[in-house]
Protein backbone atom coordinates (compact mmCIF):
# COMPACT_ATOMS: atom_id res chain seq x y z
CA MET A 1 101.26 77.72 125.99
CA THR A 2 103.45 79.20 123.08
CA SER A 3 103.37 79.65 119.46
CA SER A 4 105.94 79.80 116.89
CA LEU A 5 106.03 83.18 117.19
CA ASP A 6 107.66 82.66 120.75
CA GLY A 7 105.10 84.41 122.54
CA PRO A 8 102.36 83.75 124.54
CA ILE A 9 98.66 82.15 122.79
CA LEU A 10 95.42 84.26 124.43
CA SER A 11 92.50 82.91 124.62
CA VAL A 12 89.45 85.20 122.80
CA LYS A 13 88.45 86.36 126.57
CA ASP A 14 92.17 87.31 127.71
CA VAL A 15 92.60 89.08 124.17
CA VAL A 16 89.16 90.83 124.74
CA ALA A 17 90.50 91.86 128.46
CA LEU A 18 94.12 93.02 126.92
CA GLU A 19 92.55 95.25 124.48
CA LYS A 20 90.06 96.91 126.86
CA ARG A 21 92.90 97.63 129.34
CA LEU A 22 94.75 99.07 126.25
CA GLU A 23 92.13 101.11 125.09
CA ALA A 24 91.30 102.62 128.81
CA SER A 25 95.06 103.29 128.53
CA GLY A 26 94.56 105.77 125.77
CA ILE A 27 95.68 103.43 122.61
CA PRO A 28 92.58 103.13 120.11
CA LEU A 29 91.34 99.94 119.13
CA ARG A 30 92.19 101.21 115.65
CA GLU A 31 96.06 101.19 116.21
CA LEU A 32 96.28 97.77 117.78
CA MET A 33 94.87 96.61 114.70
CA ASN A 34 96.92 98.82 112.30
CA ARG A 35 99.99 97.39 115.06
CA ALA A 36 99.06 93.99 114.59
CA GLY A 37 98.43 93.93 110.83
CA ARG A 38 101.72 95.42 109.87
CA PHE A 39 103.68 93.19 112.69
CA VAL A 40 102.39 90.34 110.63
CA ALA A 41 102.99 91.49 106.76
CA GLU A 42 106.71 91.92 108.35
CA TRP A 43 107.05 88.23 109.84
CA ILE A 44 105.56 87.25 106.28
CA ARG A 45 107.81 89.46 104.00
CA ASP A 46 111.00 88.05 106.16
CA ARG A 47 110.05 84.28 105.78
CA VAL A 48 108.58 84.19 102.46
CA ASP A 49 110.21 84.20 98.94
CA ALA A 50 108.66 87.54 97.38
CA SER A 51 108.22 85.46 94.00
CA LYS A 52 105.65 83.34 95.99
CA PRO A 53 101.79 84.07 96.11
CA VAL A 54 100.54 84.51 99.54
CA LEU A 55 96.82 84.02 100.51
CA ILE A 56 95.07 86.48 103.38
CA LEU A 57 91.73 85.38 104.60
CA CYS A 58 89.79 87.75 105.90
CA GLY A 59 87.15 86.83 107.76
CA THR A 60 83.78 89.64 109.03
CA GLY A 61 84.87 89.40 112.63
CA ASN A 62 87.38 91.67 114.60
CA ASN A 63 90.63 89.84 112.52
CA GLY A 64 89.38 90.40 109.58
CA GLY A 65 90.51 94.39 109.82
CA ASP A 66 93.77 93.23 110.95
CA GLY A 67 93.91 90.73 107.55
CA TRP A 68 93.23 94.24 105.28
CA VAL A 69 96.04 95.77 107.24
CA ILE A 70 98.04 92.87 106.31
CA ALA A 71 96.82 92.74 102.41
CA GLU A 72 97.14 96.21 102.32
CA THR A 73 100.78 96.47 104.09
CA SER A 74 102.03 93.06 102.04
CA SER A 75 101.23 94.66 98.63
CA SER A 76 103.61 96.00 96.33
CA PRO A 77 103.73 95.85 92.57
CA GLU A 78 106.63 92.74 92.78
CA SER A 79 104.61 91.13 95.60
CA ARG A 80 101.38 88.33 94.78
CA VAL A 81 99.63 89.16 97.62
CA ARG A 82 95.68 87.76 97.60
CA THR A 83 92.67 88.16 99.31
CA GLY A 84 89.95 86.44 100.21
CA TYR A 85 86.72 87.80 101.66
CA ASN A 86 84.47 86.50 103.81
CA CYS A 87 85.90 83.27 103.68
CA VAL A 88 84.59 79.62 105.48
CA ALA A 89 87.22 77.84 107.19
CA ALA A 90 85.73 74.32 106.12
CA ALA A 91 85.45 75.23 102.60
CA VAL A 92 89.41 76.15 102.96
CA ILE A 93 90.48 73.16 104.42
């Protein structure tokens, strides 16, 4: 299966295994989080009009840290980035 980003969609089990292999090769998990967050922030910048608001919802799990990196990387004086923390998906939908 592929995503709209033209890459594979991995299961949680696959991601955990991949992260363990990368960490064992010497890449710290914090660096992976920073790389993922910066990539998504760039993807958003390339596709969303800077005058439009962007809401980034960060949970308490491992992906929450990625969300904070996205928000920090996306923030600028002209941007309209807002961040929600510990959000319940059912309440957002």
